[in-house]
Protein backbone atom coordinates (compact mmCIF):
# COMPACT_ATOMS: atom_id res chain seq x y z
CA MET A 1 -12.89 -23.01 -33.69
CA MET A 2 -15.18 -20.96 -31.25
CA ALA A 3 -14.61 -23.74 -28.76
CA ALA A 4 -10.78 -23.15 -28.81
CA LEU A 5 -11.13 -19.50 -28.36
CA LEU A 6 -13.44 -19.97 -25.50
CA HIS A 7 -10.78 -22.39 -23.78
CA LEU A 8 -8.02 -19.62 -24.58
CA SER A 9 -9.99 -16.85 -22.87
CA THR A 10 -11.01 -18.77 -19.86
CA LEU A 11 -7.11 -19.86 -19.45
CA LEU A 12 -5.95 -16.47 -20.01
CA SER A 13 -8.06 -15.15 -17.14
CA LEU A 14 -7.03 -18.05 -14.91
CA LEU A 15 -3.61 -16.94 -15.67
CA ALA A 16 -4.14 -13.39 -15.39
CA THR A 17 -5.32 -13.90 -11.72
CA ILE A 18 -2.80 -16.01 -10.74
CA LEU A 19 -0.01 -13.90 -11.94
CA SER A 20 -1.87 -10.90 -10.02
CA ILE A 21 -1.69 -12.96 -6.66
CA ALA A 22 2.29 -12.33 -6.84
CA GLU A 23 1.74 -8.44 -7.22
CA SER A 24 -1.51 -7.75 -4.65
CA ILE A 25 -3.31 -9.79 -2.04
CA SER A 26 -5.49 -9.17 0.87
CA ILE A 27 -5.88 -11.67 3.55
CA ASP A 28 -8.70 -11.80 6.27
CA CYS A 29 -7.10 -13.25 8.82
CA GLY A 30 -9.33 -15.66 11.02
CA SER A 31 -11.80 -16.25 8.00
CA THR A 32 -11.95 -19.12 5.63
CA GLY A 33 -13.07 -18.82 2.11
CA SER A 34 -12.66 -15.75 -0.26
CA TYR A 35 -14.94 -12.83 -1.11
CA VAL A 36 -15.22 -9.48 -3.10
CA ASP A 37 -15.87 -6.26 -1.33
CA SER A 38 -17.82 -3.21 -2.19
CA ASN A 39 -14.43 -1.80 -3.74
CA ASN A 40 -14.29 -5.05 -6.21
CA VAL A 41 -11.17 -6.01 -4.46
CA THR A 42 -10.77 -10.03 -3.94
CA TRP A 43 -10.15 -11.13 -0.04
CA VAL A 44 -8.49 -14.51 0.85
CA GLY A 45 -8.92 -16.56 4.51
CA ASP A 46 -5.72 -16.96 5.98
CA LYS A 47 -5.63 -20.83 5.38
CA GLY A 48 -2.24 -21.98 3.87
CA PHE A 49 -0.59 -18.76 5.51
CA VAL A 50 -0.57 -19.68 9.05
CA THR A 51 -0.64 -22.83 11.19
CA THR A 52 -0.68 -21.49 14.54
CA GLY A 53 -3.09 -19.61 16.55
CA GLU A 54 -7.07 -19.43 16.83
CA PRO A 55 -9.69 -17.78 14.68
CA MET A 56 -12.34 -16.03 16.09
CA LYS A 57 -15.62 -14.12 14.84
CA ILE A 58 -16.22 -10.82 16.63
CA PRO A 59 -19.74 -10.62 17.78
CA ASP A 60 -22.21 -7.88 16.62
CA VAL A 61 -19.66 -6.91 14.41
CA ILE A 62 -20.41 -7.29 10.18
CA THR A 63 -17.90 -5.22 8.53
CA LYS A 64 -15.28 -7.49 6.68
CA PRO A 65 -12.53 -7.79 7.31
CA ILE A 66 -12.73 -6.52 10.71
CA ASN A 67 -15.19 -8.68 12.10
CA THR A 68 -12.70 -11.73 12.12
CA LEU A 69 -9.42 -12.11 13.55
CA ARG A 70 -6.90 -14.51 14.69
CA TYR A 71 -5.15 -14.50 18.09
CA PHE A 72 -2.02 -16.44 19.46
CA PRO A 73 -2.66 -17.68 23.01
CA THR A 74 0.72 -19.52 22.82
CA GLY A 75 3.96 -19.20 21.70
CA GLN A 76 6.97 -16.54 21.47
CA THR A 77 6.78 -16.19 18.11
CA ASN A 78 3.96 -16.63 15.30
CA CYS A 79 4.18 -16.13 11.65
CA TYR A 80 2.42 -15.83 8.39
CA THR A 81 4.10 -17.23 5.90
CA ASN A 82 4.35 -18.06 1.91
CA ILE A 83 2.49 -14.37 1.69
CA PRO A 84 3.66 -14.07 -2.60
CA VAL A 85 5.22 -11.07 -3.49
CA THR A 86 7.64 -9.88 -6.60
CA LYS A 87 10.76 -10.00 -5.90
CA ARG A 88 13.29 -6.94 -5.53
CA GLN A 89 9.97 -4.83 -6.40
CA LYS A 90 9.05 -2.11 -4.08
CA THR A 91 5.92 -3.10 -1.98
CA LEU A 92 3.65 -1.91 0.24
CA VAL A 93 2.85 -4.28 3.67
CA ARG A 94 -0.21 -3.27 5.66
CA THR A 95 -1.39 -4.92 8.67
CA LYS A 96 -4.63 -4.23 10.58
CA PHE A 97 -5.74 -4.52 14.22
CA TYR A 98 -9.48 -4.27 15.29
CA TYR A 99 -9.36 -5.32 19.16
CA GLU A 100 -13.00 -4.73 19.86
CA ASN A 101 -12.63 -6.43 23.55
CA TYR A 102 -12.66 -9.58 21.71
CA ASP A 103 -11.47 -11.23 24.91
CA GLY A 104 -13.57 -9.41 27.29
CA ASN A 105 -10.25 -7.84 29.14
CA PHE A 106 -10.78 -4.39 28.03
CA SER A 107 -7.21 -4.23 27.98
CA PRO A 108 -5.54 -3.92 24.75
CA PRO A 109 -2.58 -6.23 24.04
CA SER A 110 1.13 -4.71 22.91
CA PHE A 111 3.20 -6.82 20.66
CA ASP A 112 5.68 -6.50 18.11
CA LEU A 113 5.73 -7.33 14.59
CA VAL A 114 8.29 -8.02 12.29
CA TYR A 115 8.19 -8.30 8.68
CA ASP A 116 10.16 -10.69 6.66
CA GLY A 117 12.56 -11.20 9.15
CA LYS A 118 14.16 -7.69 9.10
CA HIS A 119 11.66 -4.57 9.83
CA ARG A 120 10.08 -4.31 13.23
CA ASP A 121 7.65 -2.61 14.55
CA SER A 122 5.70 -1.82 18.00
CA VAL A 123 1.79 -2.64 18.23
CA GLU A 124 0.30 -0.62 21.23
CA ILE A 125 -3.43 0.16 21.03
CA THR A 126 -4.68 2.76 23.48
CA GLU A 127 -7.92 2.43 25.19
CA TYR A 128 -9.97 4.89 23.19
CA LEU A 129 -10.15 2.12 20.10
CA LEU A 130 -12.34 0.01 21.81
CA ASN A 131 -15.80 -0.50 21.04
CA ASN A 132 -15.75 1.78 17.55
CA GLU A 133 -15.97 0.10 14.49
CA GLU A 134 -15.29 3.34 13.04
CA THR A 135 -11.17 3.02 14.53
CA PHE A 136 -8.90 0.54 14.39
CA TYR A 137 -4.72 0.53 14.44
CA TYR A 138 -2.57 -0.54 11.67
CA SER A 139 1.35 -0.78 10.93
CA GLU A 140 2.57 -0.32 7.39
CA LEU A 141 5.76 -0.65 5.70
CA ILE A 142 7.42 -0.22 2.42
CA PHE A 143 10.63 -2.34 1.02
CA ALA A 144 11.79 -4.40 -1.84
CA PRO A 145 11.62 -7.96 -0.87
CA THR A 146 14.32 -10.23 -1.74
CA ASN A 147 12.51 -13.53 -2.25
CA GLU A 148 9.57 -14.46 -4.25
CA SER A 149 7.66 -14.60 -0.67
CA ILE A 150 7.40 -12.40 2.50
CA SER A 151 6.56 -13.17 6.03
CA VAL A 152 4.45 -11.45 8.97
CA CYS A 153 5.72 -12.46 12.57
CA LEU A 154 3.84 -11.70 15.62
CA ILE A 155 6.40 -11.53 18.68
CA ARG A 156 4.78 -11.44 22.22
CA THR A 157 6.57 -9.11 24.17
CA SER A 158 4.76 -9.22 27.40
CA PRO A 159 3.53 -12.96 28.72
CA SER A 160 0.35 -11.68 29.71
CA ASP A 161 -0.92 -10.06 26.12
CA ASN A 162 -1.93 -12.42 23.33
CA PRO A 163 -0.90 -10.61 19.72
CA PHE A 164 -3.66 -10.61 17.17
CA ILE A 165 -4.30 -9.48 13.69
CA SER A 166 -7.46 -8.68 11.79
CA SER A 167 -5.61 -8.66 8.04
CA ILE A 168 -2.60 -8.47 6.25
CA GLU A 169 -2.69 -6.62 2.84
CA VAL A 170 -0.06 -6.69 -0.09
CA TYR A 171 0.78 -3.86 -2.98
CA SER A 172 2.51 -3.77 -5.34
CA LEU A 173 4.28 -0.06 -6.32
CA ASP A 174 5.61 1.02 -9.24
CA VAL A 175 9.33 1.19 -10.26
CA GLY A 176 10.78 4.47 -9.71
CA MET A 177 8.41 4.94 -6.67
CA TYR A 178 10.53 5.74 -3.50
CA ALA A 179 13.59 4.99 -5.54
CA ASP A 180 15.75 6.17 -2.89
CA LEU A 181 15.20 3.59 -0.65
CA GLY A 182 18.02 1.21 0.09
CA PRO A 183 17.55 -2.55 -0.91
CA SER A 184 18.17 -3.34 2.77
CA GLU A 185 15.88 -0.56 4.14
CA GLY A 186 12.28 -0.20 4.93
CA LEU A 187 9.74 2.58 5.24
CA ILE A 188 7.82 2.26 8.42
CA THR A 189 4.81 4.91 8.01
CA ARG A 190 4.65 7.28 10.55
CA GLN A 191 2.01 10.08 8.80
CA ARG A 192 0.40 10.25 5.76
CA THR A 193 -1.22 13.63 5.21
CA THR A 194 -3.78 14.86 2.54
CA CYS A 195 -3.73 18.79 3.17
CA GLY A 196 -7.03 20.89 2.66
CA ALA A 197 -9.28 18.09 2.45
CA LYS A 198 -11.95 16.91 4.81
CA GLU A 199 -11.91 13.60 4.70
CA SER A 200 -9.65 10.55 4.54
CA ILE A 201 -8.48 9.05 0.68
CA SER A 202 -7.74 5.54 0.15
CA TYR A 203 -8.24 3.06 -2.64
CA PRO A 204 -9.54 3.38 -5.54
CA LEU A 205 -8.33 7.33 -5.52
CA ASP A 206 -4.59 6.05 -4.03
CA PRO A 207 -4.20 3.39 -6.66
CA TYR A 208 -1.63 2.09 -4.74
CA GLY A 209 -3.57 1.33 -1.48
CA ARG A 210 -2.06 4.29 0.69
CA PRO A 211 -4.42 5.78 3.29
CA TRP A 212 -4.14 9.68 3.29
CA TYR A 213 -5.62 11.27 6.37
CA PRO A 214 -6.70 14.93 6.28
CA LEU A 215 -4.73 17.29 8.43
CA GLY A 216 -7.07 18.16 10.63
CA ALA A 217 -8.84 21.58 11.80
CA ASP A 218 -5.99 24.50 12.29
CA ASP A 219 -6.87 28.24 12.39
CA THR A 220 -4.19 29.29 11.01
CA LEU A 221 -4.63 27.56 7.76
CA ALA A 222 -7.02 28.22 4.77
CA ASP A 223 -8.07 25.53 2.49
CA LEU A 224 -7.65 25.67 -1.30
CA THR A 225 -8.95 23.83 -4.36
CA THR A 226 -7.09 23.38 -7.46
CA SER A 227 -8.85 25.42 -10.48
CA ALA A 228 -6.69 23.22 -12.79
CA PRO A 229 -8.70 20.54 -15.04
CA SER A 230 -6.29 17.92 -14.06
CA ILE A 231 -2.99 18.04 -12.39
CA ASP A 232 0.24 16.07 -14.00
CA ILE A 233 1.84 13.84 -11.31
CA THR A 234 4.90 12.69 -13.34
CA GLY A 235 7.12 15.24 -11.85
CA ALA A 236 6.24 13.50 -8.54
CA SER A 237 7.92 9.91 -8.65
CA ASN A 238 6.12 8.95 -5.71
CA LYS A 239 2.94 8.90 -7.63
CA PRO A 240 0.63 10.98 -4.78
CA PRO A 241 -2.99 10.59 -6.33
CA GLU A 242 -4.26 13.34 -8.03
CA VAL A 243 -6.95 14.31 -5.65
CA VAL A 244 -4.72 14.63 -2.81
CA MET A 245 -2.62 17.06 -5.25
CA SER A 246 -6.02 18.93 -6.27
CA LYS A 247 -6.45 20.16 -2.40
CA ALA A 248 -3.98 22.43 -0.56
CA SER A 249 -3.54 23.98 2.86
CA SER A 250 -2.23 27.61 2.74
CA SER A 251 -1.03 29.69 5.75
CA LEU A 252 -3.12 33.15 6.84
CA GLY A 253 0.54 34.51 7.40
CA GLU A 254 3.93 33.99 6.07
CA SER A 255 4.66 30.29 7.41
CA ILE A 256 3.29 26.73 8.06
CA LYS A 257 4.22 24.84 11.08
CA LEU A 258 3.46 21.38 11.44
CA SER A 259 4.54 19.79 14.81
CA ASN A 260 3.08 16.77 16.68
CA LEU A 261 4.85 14.46 14.30
CA ALA A 262 4.16 10.62 15.22
CA LEU A 263 7.66 9.87 16.33
CA PRO A 264 9.33 8.85 19.63
CA LEU A 265 10.82 11.16 22.09
CA THR A 266 14.06 9.44 21.62
CA GLY A 267 14.24 10.39 17.71
CA LEU A 268 14.54 8.53 14.71
CA PRO A 269 16.22 8.70 11.01
CA VAL A 270 13.39 9.44 8.79
CA TYR A 271 12.09 9.89 5.06
CA LEU A 272 9.93 12.83 4.61
CA ALA A 273 8.57 13.78 1.06
CA LEU A 274 6.50 16.56 0.40
CA TYR A 275 4.22 17.05 -2.53
CA PHE A 276 3.01 20.67 -4.01
CA SER A 277 0.76 21.76 -6.89
CA GLU A 278 0.13 25.88 -7.41
CA PRO A 279 -4.08 25.73 -7.19
CA GLN A 280 -4.18 28.98 -9.26
CA THR A 281 -2.88 30.55 -12.02
CA LEU A 282 -0.76 33.60 -11.55
CA GLY A 283 -0.78 37.00 -12.66
CA ARG A 284 2.60 38.63 -13.76
CA THR A 285 2.98 40.41 -10.15
CA GLN A 286 1.84 37.38 -7.92
CA LYS A 287 5.00 34.70 -7.09
CA ARG A 288 4.90 32.13 -4.57
CA SER A 289 8.25 31.21 -3.05
CA PHE A 290 9.10 29.57 0.50
CA ASN A 291 11.67 27.33 2.07
CA VAL A 292 10.81 24.28 3.93
CA PHE A 293 13.03 22.98 6.89
CA LEU A 294 13.10 19.93 9.26
CA ASP A 295 13.94 21.82 12.55
CA GLU A 296 17.18 23.30 11.34
CA THR A 297 17.69 21.01 7.91
CA GLN A 298 16.33 22.61 4.58
CA VAL A 299 13.88 20.38 2.85
CA GLY A 300 15.31 20.22 -1.10
CA SER A 301 18.05 22.53 -2.54
CA GLY A 302 16.26 25.67 -2.54
CA PRO A 303 13.43 27.91 -2.58
CA ILE A 304 9.50 25.63 -3.41
CA ILE A 305 7.78 27.29 -6.20
CA PRO A 306 4.85 24.98 -6.91
CA VAL A 307 3.69 25.19 -10.79
CA PHE A 308 -0.22 25.48 -11.61
CA GLY A 309 -1.54 21.95 -12.72
CA LYS A 310 1.62 20.24 -12.12
CA ALA A 311 3.04 17.93 -9.12
CA THR A 312 6.44 18.96 -7.20
CA GLN A 313 7.90 16.57 -4.99
CA VAL A 314 10.89 16.89 -2.60
CA VAL A 315 12.37 14.37 -0.16
CA LEU A 316 14.46 14.56 2.85
CA ARG A 317 15.90 11.28 4.34
CA ASP A 318 18.51 10.22 7.03
CA VAL A 319 17.97 13.46 9.46
CA VAL A 320 16.85 12.24 12.83
CA ALA A 321 14.00 13.76 14.18
CA THR A 322 11.67 13.65 17.50
CA SER A 323 8.30 13.90 18.29
CA GLY A 324 9.45 17.62 19.28
CA SER A 325 10.52 18.32 15.76
CA LYS A 326 8.64 20.63 13.35
CA ILE A 327 7.99 21.09 9.59
CA VAL A 328 8.38 25.07 8.96
CA PHE A 329 7.54 26.48 5.73
CA GLN A 330 8.56 30.06 5.60
CA SER A 331 8.01 32.73 2.47
CA THR A 332 11.00 33.84 0.65
CA GLY A 333 11.46 37.63 1.21
CA ASP A 334 10.32 38.15 -2.91
CA SER A 335 7.05 36.16 -2.37
CA VAL A 336 3.67 37.78 -2.35
CA LEU A 337 1.81 34.50 -1.51
CA PRO A 338 2.20 32.49 1.81
CA PRO A 339 3.14 29.02 1.39
CA ILE A 340 1.00 25.89 0.28
CA ILE A 341 1.44 22.38 1.06
CA ASN A 342 -0.75 19.22 -0.66
CA GLY A 343 0.33 16.33 0.87
CA VAL A 344 3.13 15.02 3.25
CA GLU A 345 4.21 11.22 4.02
CA LEU A 346 6.77 10.73 6.91
CA PHE A 347 8.61 7.42 7.68
CA SER A 348 11.18 5.96 10.01
CA ILE A 349 13.92 4.05 8.28
CA SER A 350 14.60 0.77 9.24
CA ASN A 351 17.77 -0.87 8.40
CA SER A 352 19.13 2.73 7.49
CA ARG A 353 22.03 2.39 5.07
CA ASN A 354 23.47 5.27 7.43
CA GLY A 355 22.81 3.43 10.85
CA GLY A 356 20.24 3.68 12.96
CA GLY A 357 16.70 3.65 12.54
CA GLY A 358 14.34 1.20 15.04
CA GLY A 359 11.55 0.67 16.96
CA GLY A 360 8.58 2.71 17.79
CA SER A 361 5.24 2.34 17.71
CA GLY A 362 2.83 1.67 15.00
CA SER A 363 -0.56 4.14 14.14
CA GLN A 364 -4.19 4.47 15.13
CA SER A 365 -6.61 5.61 12.99
CA SER A 366 -10.07 7.17 13.55
CA GLY A 367 -10.13 8.63 9.67
CA GLY A 368 -8.38 11.90 10.53
CA ASN A 369 -5.06 11.04 12.48
CA ASN A 370 -2.08 8.79 11.09
CA ASP A 371 0.80 7.80 13.18
CA PHE A 372 2.93 4.68 12.63
CA GLY A 373 6.18 2.41 13.64
CA GLY A 374 9.80 1.12 14.08
CA GLY A 375 12.34 -1.42 12.48
CA ALA A 376 15.08 -4.16 13.58
CA LYS A 377 15.70 -7.70 13.06
CA ASN A 378 14.32 -10.92 13.60
CA ASN A 379 14.55 -14.41 12.31
CA GLY A 380 10.80 -14.92 12.26
CA GLY A 381 9.26 -18.02 11.44
CA LYS A 382 9.87 -21.46 9.49
CA LYS A 383 9.37 -20.56 6.05
CA LYS A 384 7.09 -22.56 3.57
CA LYS A 385 8.10 -23.18 0.16
CA ASN A 386 6.76 -20.98 -2.48
CA LYS A 387 4.24 -22.94 -4.35
CA LEU A 388 3.43 -19.93 -7.32
CA PRO A 389 6.32 -21.41 -9.56
CA LEU A 390 4.08 -24.95 -9.41
CA ILE A 391 0.89 -23.35 -10.11
CA LEU A 392 2.12 -21.59 -13.10
CA GLY A 393 3.77 -24.53 -14.28
CA VAL A 394 0.80 -26.45 -14.03
CA ALA A 395 -1.77 -23.49 -15.60
CA PHE A 396 0.80 -23.20 -18.54
CA ALA A 397 1.23 -26.79 -19.14
CA SER A 398 -2.80 -27.00 -19.05
CA ALA A 399 -3.01 -24.18 -21.72
CA PHE A 400 -0.42 -26.25 -23.91
CA VAL A 401 -2.76 -29.28 -23.41
CA ILE A 402 -5.78 -27.38 -24.24
CA LEU A 403 -4.66 -25.36 -27.17
CA SER A 404 -2.85 -28.47 -28.57
CA SER A 405 -5.67 -31.21 -28.41
CA THR A 406 -8.21 -28.10 -29.69
CA PHE A 407 -6.05 -27.05 -32.54
CA GLY A 408 -5.61 -30.91 -32.93
CA ALA A 409 -9.31 -31.60 -33.54
CA ILE A 410 -9.62 -28.51 -35.73
CA PHE A 411 -6.98 -29.79 -37.99
CA LEU A 412 -8.40 -33.14 -38.37
CA ARG A 413 -11.72 -31.79 -38.83
CA LYS A 414 -10.80 -29.36 -42.03
CA ARG A 415 -8.90 -32.36 -43.20
CA GLN A 416 -12.08 -34.57 -43.20
CA ASN A 417 -14.29 -31.72 -44.76
CA ALA A 418 -11.36 -30.58 -47.05
CA LYS A 419 -11.52 -31.61 -51.36
CA PRO A 420 -8.90 -33.33 -53.01
CA GLN A 421 -6.40 -30.40 -54.30
CA SER A 422 -4.29 -32.48 -56.42
CA ASN A 423 -2.34 -30.87 -59.03
CA THR A 424 -3.19 -27.25 -57.84
CA THR A 425 -1.53 -24.22 -56.37
CA PRO A 426 -1.97 -24.31 -52.68
CA THR A 427 -3.75 -21.56 -50.65
CA THR A 428 -3.02 -19.32 -47.96
CA SER A 429 -6.23 -18.60 -45.53
CA THR A 430 -5.58 -15.84 -43.03
CA GLU A 431 -8.30 -15.38 -40.04
CA ASN A 432 -8.71 -12.44 -37.83
CA GLY A 433 -9.70 -12.67 -34.29
CA THR A 434 -9.90 -11.02 -31.29
CA GLY A 435 -7.75 -12.41 -28.42
CA THR A 436 -7.66 -11.71 -24.44
CA GLY A 437 -4.59 -10.14 -23.42
CA MET A 438 -3.30 -9.21 -19.38
CA SER A 439 -3.64 -5.71 -18.62
CA PRO A 440 -1.15 -3.95 -15.95
CA LEU A 441 -1.91 -5.25 -12.29
CA VAL A 442 -4.02 -2.90 -10.64
CA GLU A 443 -3.13 -3.17 -6.74
CA GLN A 444 -6.65 -2.69 -5.05
CA GLN A 445 -7.31 -0.91 -1.48
CA PHE A 446 -10.02 -0.63 0.91
CA ALA A 447 -12.81 1.46 0.96
CA SER A 448 -13.76 3.70 3.87
CA ASP A 449 -10.48 2.34 5.39
CA THR A 450 -12.30 -0.82 6.12
CA ASP A 451 -12.07 -2.45 2.65
CA HIS A 452 -8.94 -3.50 0.88
CA SER A 453 -7.33 -5.53 -2.17
CA TYR A 454 -5.76 -8.68 -3.49
CA VAL A 455 -4.56 -8.54 -6.62
CA VAL A 456 -6.78 -7.47 -9.59
CA GLN A 457 -5.27 -4.78 -11.36
CA ASP A 458 -3.86 -1.65 -10.31
CA ASP A 459 -4.75 0.71 -10.46
CA HIS A 460 -3.09 0.59 -4.32
CA HIS A 461 -5.39 -0.44 -2.37
């Protein structure tokens, strides 16, 4: 019986791993084999996902996964395909690019990305990212895949520039997150900011693999930390991490103005999500109330009144904003305390259901700033047949064979050892045992913005 349970436990662990691959995966481009990083995130090489391009190891760089890359010296379009996802479930896909002058040209290339043949972003790496292992460029998309696998295609936009890629990460998001995103739309991340914090936040503090970057120094703002022992985030459907909600920026006057948005001059339809939590218990005479505007459009249906120990979320979408736009937080006339803000997410909308939503540039990150890019349509590359059903079929078949043979052997052994019981009443035996179940999938992310996730359960990473 112990042998049967051992077989069963091993098999269920295998099945859990296989199933989790469909939920979250981290691909180290240009590498082979697999490894587990310091965040307990499993990375796999890109063999089986791409058939073109050349792998390269970057000399003198030891940090994985940015010490390898795959570049594409030929072809207009080169694609990673057969990347497993959960059909119709909101999914976050991030691609990362660490140039480090790997080609000796001292000239970072520019090229486009097309996610799943529908959502286009532009990669434009600036020279300040050269020779700095702490900085990198990345692009990120949230959307609901229509199939059980997706593609990521790199599109050459200049004959002299070779597209390249360092890593691909995929995280499954919970039901209800970014719920007002249409089935054909995508959210391309432009900024994700934690206010009042000094350091960036990522997995495991955000279980959904979202990196949050500090707002940066501003002598018109004060940093606040909550006195609440914990923060209930159930009131914010996008599930900002509790650590983001525990910090806030407060105005030293009657308003907060956020400018220099990571958007093009021409403007794009945007999705803006703002997160609030009152950091202190307020007395009878104290009140914090303010309105929020993106340019001339109010965010939310009325004044924001943050609640102590709880998260509040307001969303504005389909408003066209530009790099010159401003987010303004203005105290109401009866407010005693100044406005606060805990977290900000700004996306451009790809394939907006109300029209528009296109191109832009991605994001460069140095641990303090965060900006991203655009949306369009491209046919991408040839898709491979999804192998996940076959893998699952083999696994379940193996389970059936192992269990059948094991319990068959146990049954025969009991028959051989049993005493004859003619003319007696049959007895019933009940055994209590332990089983191994599958816990909810954790989407794992990267540490210090360099380590990422491959299935394993969620906690996004």
